[in-house]
Protein backbone atom coordinates (compact mmCIF):
# COMPACT_ATOMS: atom_id res chain seq x y z
CA MET A 1 96.42 3.24 6.01
CA PRO A 2 98.96 4.07 8.70
CA ALA A 3 98.81 2.73 12.24
CA LYS A 4 97.22 5.13 14.75
CA SER A 5 99.25 3.99 17.76
CA ALA A 6 102.54 2.34 18.62
CA ALA A 7 100.65 -0.72 19.94
CA GLN A 8 98.82 -1.11 16.63
CA GLN A 9 102.11 -0.83 14.74
CA LYS A 10 103.73 -3.48 16.93
CA ALA A 11 100.77 -5.85 16.52
CA ALA A 12 100.96 -5.44 12.74
CA GLY A 13 104.68 -6.25 12.85
CA ALA A 14 104.02 -9.46 14.78
CA ALA A 15 101.24 -10.49 12.39
CA LEU A 16 103.46 -9.71 9.39
CA ALA A 17 106.26 -11.89 10.76
CA ALA A 18 103.78 -14.77 11.11
CA LYS A 19 102.43 -14.22 7.56
CA ARG A 20 105.99 -14.44 6.24
CA GLY A 21 106.68 -17.63 8.20
CA GLU A 22 109.27 -16.00 10.46
CA THR A 23 107.26 -16.85 13.59
CA SER A 24 104.46 -19.28 14.37
CA PRO A 25 100.89 -17.98 13.99
CA GLY A 26 100.10 -19.94 17.16
CA GLN A 27 102.15 -17.45 19.17
CA LEU A 28 99.89 -14.55 18.20
CA LYS A 29 97.30 -13.23 20.65
CA GLY A 30 94.66 -10.54 20.61
CA ALA A 31 94.97 -7.82 17.99
CA SER A 32 97.95 -9.37 16.23
CA HIS A 33 96.03 -12.65 15.77
CA GLU A 34 93.01 -10.78 14.41
CA MET A 35 95.24 -8.82 12.02
CA TYR A 36 96.91 -12.03 10.86
CA GLU A 37 93.52 -13.55 10.05
CA SER A 38 91.90 -10.56 8.37
CA MET A 39 94.64 -8.56 6.61
CA SER A 40 96.83 -9.16 3.57
CA GLU A 41 100.62 -9.08 3.75
CA LYS A 42 100.59 -5.74 1.89
CA GLN A 43 98.17 -4.19 4.40
CA LEU A 44 100.27 -5.45 7.29
CA GLU A 45 103.41 -3.98 5.71
CA GLU A 46 101.72 -0.57 5.56
CA PHE A 47 100.75 -0.71 9.24
CA ALA A 48 104.09 -2.10 10.39
CA SER A 49 106.13 0.48 8.48
CA THR A 50 104.40 3.43 10.18
CA LYS A 51 106.82 5.62 12.11
CA ARG A 52 106.26 5.50 15.87
CA LYS A 53 107.54 9.01 16.59
CA GLY A 54 104.69 11.14 17.91
CA LYS A 55 102.25 8.21 18.13
CA PRO A 56 100.52 7.45 21.43
CA GLU A 57 101.12 3.98 22.88
CA HIS A 58 97.38 3.19 22.76
CA VAL A 59 94.31 4.80 21.22
CA SER A 60 90.91 4.30 22.78
CA GLY A 61 88.29 2.88 20.46
CA THR A 62 85.50 4.98 21.96
CA LYS A 63 85.26 8.59 23.06
CA HIS A 64 83.53 9.54 26.30
């Protein structure tokens, strides 16, 4: 499943780096920490490899 926003893609990239041992999991906060805990490396790769072109920076979780 591709990332829906640039922020989601960036968070997945940070979580993926921690999964691979490139950064410390203790440095993760918020969404990236949750992704690290709940997603596999393969899932994180799919999110992180999403192209950012045309993606909004953030997507609201609820519609008003």
